[in-house]
C-alpha cells in the first residue's frame, strides 16, 4: 500500500499538471488576437487522428478469420460513426456503441 504522503504528492502533481495544461493556452495566447495558423490546423487535424489511432488500437486483437470474425466490433464502429454524424455528440456515440457491443458480446456472439 502506498503511504499517505506519497499519495498526496501524486494527487497534487496530477492536479497541478491538469490545471497547468488547461491554463497554458490562456497564458500563451492573448484574448484579442487570433491563435496561430498551426494551432488551428492542429485543432482540426488531431481529433480525427486520435480517434483513428483509438480504433486501430481497439481492433488490434480482433481475429477476422475465427470466431465472430469481428462482426460485433465492426457493427459497433458503424453505429458509433452513424450516430456521431447524425447527432454530433461524441459521448452519446461512444456510450451507445459500447453498450451495444457489450450486449452483442454477452448475448449473441
C-alpha atoms as a PDB file:
ATOM      1  CA  UNK A   1       0.000   0.000   0.000  1.00  0.00           C
ATOM      2  CA  UNK A   2       1.224   3.489  -0.861  1.00  0.00           C
ATOM      3  CA  UNK A   3       1.859   5.766   2.146  1.00  0.00           C
ATOM      4  CA  UNK A   4      -0.472   8.741   2.605  1.00  0.00           C
ATOM      5  CA  UNK A   5       2.215  11.369   1.904  1.00  0.00           C
ATOM      6  CA  UNK A   6       3.185   9.706  -1.371  1.00  0.00           C
ATOM      7  CA  UNK A   7      -0.471   9.502  -2.407  1.00  0.00           C
ATOM      8  CA  UNK A   8      -0.931  13.165  -1.542  1.00  0.00           C
ATOM      9  CA  UNK A   9       2.122  14.138  -3.621  1.00  0.00           C
ATOM     10  CA  UNK A  10       0.777  12.145  -6.587  1.00  0.00           C
ATOM     11  CA  UNK A  11      -2.645  13.809  -6.348  1.00  0.00           C
ATOM     12  CA  UNK A  12      -1.127  17.298  -6.057  1.00  0.00           C
ATOM     13  CA  UNK A  13       1.197  16.657  -9.018  1.00  0.00           C
ATOM     14  CA  UNK A  14      -1.717  15.422 -11.135  1.00  0.00           C
ATOM     15  CA  UNK A  15      -3.858  18.414 -10.150  1.00  0.00           C
ATOM     16  CA  UNK A  16      -1.099  20.930 -10.909  1.00  0.00           C
ATOM     17  CA  UNK A  17      -0.360  19.283 -14.257  1.00  0.00           C
ATOM     18  CA  UNK A  18      -4.030  19.273 -15.228  1.00  0.00           C
ATOM     19  CA  UNK A  19      -4.506  22.895 -14.195  1.00  0.00           C
ATOM     20  CA  UNK A  20      -1.312  23.947 -15.951  1.00  0.00           C
ATOM     21  CA  UNK A  21      -2.312  22.285 -19.203  1.00  0.00           C
ATOM     22  CA  UNK A  22      -5.752  23.893 -19.064  1.00  0.00           C
ATOM     23  CA  UNK A  23      -4.475  27.395 -18.244  1.00  0.00           C
ATOM     24  CA  UNK A  24      -1.466  27.355 -20.572  1.00  0.00           C
ATOM     25  CA  UNK A  25      -3.389  28.382 -23.743  1.00  0.00           C
ATOM     26  CA  UNK A  26      -4.816  31.424 -21.932  1.00  0.00           C
ATOM     27  CA  UNK A  27      -1.337  32.449 -20.836  1.00  0.00           C
ATOM     28  CA  UNK A  28       0.288  31.869 -24.242  1.00  0.00           C
ATOM     29  CA  UNK A  29      -2.388  33.405 -26.471  1.00  0.00           C
ATOM     30  CA  UNK A  30      -3.803  36.853 -25.903  1.00  0.00           C
ATOM     31  CA  UNK A  31      -7.606  37.128 -25.868  1.00  0.00           C
ATOM     32  CA  UNK A  32      -7.679  39.860 -28.503  1.00  0.00           C
ATOM     33  CA  UNK A  33      -5.525  38.048 -31.069  1.00  0.00           C
ATOM     34  CA  UNK A  34      -6.215  35.120 -33.334  1.00  0.00           C
ATOM     35  CA  UNK A  35      -4.326  31.940 -32.452  1.00  0.00           C
ATOM     36  CA  UNK A  36      -1.541  30.999 -34.869  1.00  0.00           C
ATOM     37  CA  UNK A  37      -2.493  29.065 -38.006  1.00  0.00           C
ATOM     38  CA  UNK A  38      -0.633  25.973 -36.871  1.00  0.00           C
ATOM     39  CA  UNK A  39      -2.712  25.846 -33.682  1.00  0.00           C
ATOM     40  CA  UNK A  40      -5.909  25.995 -35.724  1.00  0.00           C
ATOM     41  CA  UNK A  41      -4.525  23.306 -38.016  1.00  0.00           C
ATOM     42  CA  UNK A  42      -3.738  21.028 -35.079  1.00  0.00           C
ATOM     43  CA  UNK A  43      -7.212  21.675 -33.664  1.00  0.00           C
ATOM     44  CA  UNK A  44      -8.725  20.492 -36.937  1.00  0.00           C
ATOM     45  CA  UNK A  45      -6.426  17.526 -37.573  1.00  0.00           C
ATOM     46  CA  UNK A  46      -5.730  15.984 -34.167  1.00  0.00           C
ATOM     47  CA  UNK A  47      -9.232  14.854 -33.084  1.00  0.00           C
ATOM     48  CA  UNK A  48      -9.822  12.632 -36.153  1.00  0.00           C
ATOM     49  CA  UNK A  49      -6.233  11.376 -35.966  1.00  0.00           C
ATOM     50  CA  UNK A  50      -6.621  10.424 -32.303  1.00  0.00           C
ATOM     51  CA  UNK A  51      -9.925   8.662 -32.997  1.00  0.00           C
ATOM     52  CA  UNK A  52      -8.295   6.721 -35.854  1.00  0.00           C
ATOM     53  CA  UNK A  53      -5.480   5.579 -33.590  1.00  0.00           C
ATOM     54  CA  UNK A  54      -8.007   4.507 -30.935  1.00  0.00           C
ATOM     55  CA  UNK A  55      -9.971   2.473 -33.488  1.00  0.00           C
ATOM     56  CA  UNK A  56      -6.819   0.740 -34.698  1.00  0.00           C
ATOM     57  CA  UNK A  57      -5.809   0.078 -31.080  1.00  0.00           C
ATOM     58  CA  UNK A  58      -9.221  -1.419 -30.282  1.00  0.00           C
ATOM     59  CA  UNK A  59      -9.144  -3.692 -33.344  1.00  0.00           C
ATOM     60  CA  UNK A  60      -5.554  -4.881 -32.873  1.00  0.00           C
ATOM     61  CA  UNK A  61      -6.521  -8.221 -31.285  1.00  0.00           C
ATOM     62  CA  UNK A  62      -9.596  -8.980 -33.401  1.00  0.00           C
ATOM     63  CA  UNK A  63      -9.158 -12.166 -35.399  1.00  0.00           C
ATOM     64  CA  UNK A  64     -11.185 -11.768 -38.586  1.00  0.00           C
ATOM     65  CA  UNK A  65     -10.588 -15.420 -39.531  1.00  0.00           C
ATOM     66  CA  UNK A  66     -12.011 -17.069 -36.393  1.00  0.00           C
ATOM     67  CA  UNK A  67     -14.967 -16.804 -34.057  1.00  0.00           C
ATOM     68  CA  UNK A  68     -17.386 -13.996 -34.783  1.00  0.00           C
ATOM     69  CA  UNK A  69     -14.966 -12.612 -37.415  1.00  0.00           C
ATOM     70  CA  UNK A  70     -15.080  -9.112 -35.944  1.00  0.00           C
ATOM     71  CA  UNK A  71     -18.786  -8.669 -36.671  1.00  0.00           C
ATOM     72  CA  UNK A  72     -19.700  -7.075 -33.306  1.00  0.00           C
ATOM     73  CA  UNK A  73     -16.688  -4.760 -33.446  1.00  0.00           C
ATOM     74  CA  UNK A  74     -17.340  -3.578 -36.997  1.00  0.00           C
ATOM     75  CA  UNK A  75     -21.069  -3.230 -36.336  1.00  0.00           C
ATOM     76  CA  UNK A  76     -20.450  -1.077 -33.266  1.00  0.00           C
ATOM     77  CA  UNK A  77     -17.924   1.080 -35.109  1.00  0.00           C
ATOM     78  CA  UNK A  78     -20.531   1.674 -37.819  1.00  0.00           C
ATOM     79  CA  UNK A  79     -23.152   2.547 -35.191  1.00  0.00           C
ATOM     80  CA  UNK A  80     -20.759   4.978 -33.494  1.00  0.00           C
ATOM     81  CA  UNK A  81     -19.896   6.681 -36.793  1.00  0.00           C
ATOM     82  CA  UNK A  82     -23.503   6.956 -37.974  1.00  0.00           C
ATOM     83  CA  UNK A  83     -24.727   8.165 -34.596  1.00  0.00           C
ATOM     84  CA  UNK A  84     -21.966  10.753 -34.441  1.00  0.00           C
ATOM     85  CA  UNK A  85     -22.757  12.002 -37.952  1.00  0.00           C
ATOM     86  CA  UNK A  86     -26.449  12.206 -37.054  1.00  0.00           C
ATOM     87  CA  UNK A  87     -26.284  13.746 -33.553  1.00  0.00           C
ATOM     88  CA  UNK A  88     -22.758  15.243 -33.417  1.00  0.00           C
ATOM     89  CA  UNK A  89     -22.387  14.079 -29.826  1.00  0.00           C
ATOM     90  CA  UNK A  90     -19.187  12.195 -29.019  1.00  0.00           C
ATOM     91  CA  UNK A  91     -20.313  11.000 -25.601  1.00  0.00           C
ATOM     92  CA  UNK A  92     -23.598   9.659 -26.968  1.00  0.00           C
ATOM     93  CA  UNK A  93     -21.974   7.784 -29.842  1.00  0.00           C
ATOM     94  CA  UNK A  94     -19.295   6.249 -27.613  1.00  0.00           C
ATOM     95  CA  UNK A  95     -21.755   5.212 -24.883  1.00  0.00           C
ATOM     96  CA  UNK A  96     -24.348   3.737 -27.245  1.00  0.00           C
ATOM     97  CA  UNK A  97     -21.781   1.786 -29.247  1.00  0.00           C
ATOM     98  CA  UNK A  98     -20.119   0.494 -26.054  1.00  0.00           C
ATOM     99  CA  UNK A  99     -23.428  -0.680 -24.602  1.00  0.00           C
ATOM    100  CA  UNK A 100     -24.367  -2.267 -27.928  1.00  0.00           C
ATOM    101  CA  UNK A 101     -21.009  -4.061 -28.050  1.00  0.00           C
ATOM    102  CA  UNK A 102     -21.492  -5.435 -24.539  1.00  0.00           C
ATOM    103  CA  UNK A 103     -24.990  -6.630 -25.394  1.00  0.00           C
ATOM    104  CA  UNK A 104     -23.813  -8.286 -28.614  1.00  0.00           C
ATOM    105  CA  UNK A 105     -20.841  -9.997 -26.975  1.00  0.00           C
ATOM    106  CA  UNK A 106     -22.782 -11.143 -23.910  1.00  0.00           C
ATOM    107  CA  UNK A 107     -25.902 -12.416 -25.671  1.00  0.00           C
ATOM    108  CA  UNK A 108     -25.370 -13.121 -29.378  1.00  0.00           C
ATOM    109  CA  UNK A 109     -21.694 -13.702 -30.068  1.00  0.00           C
END
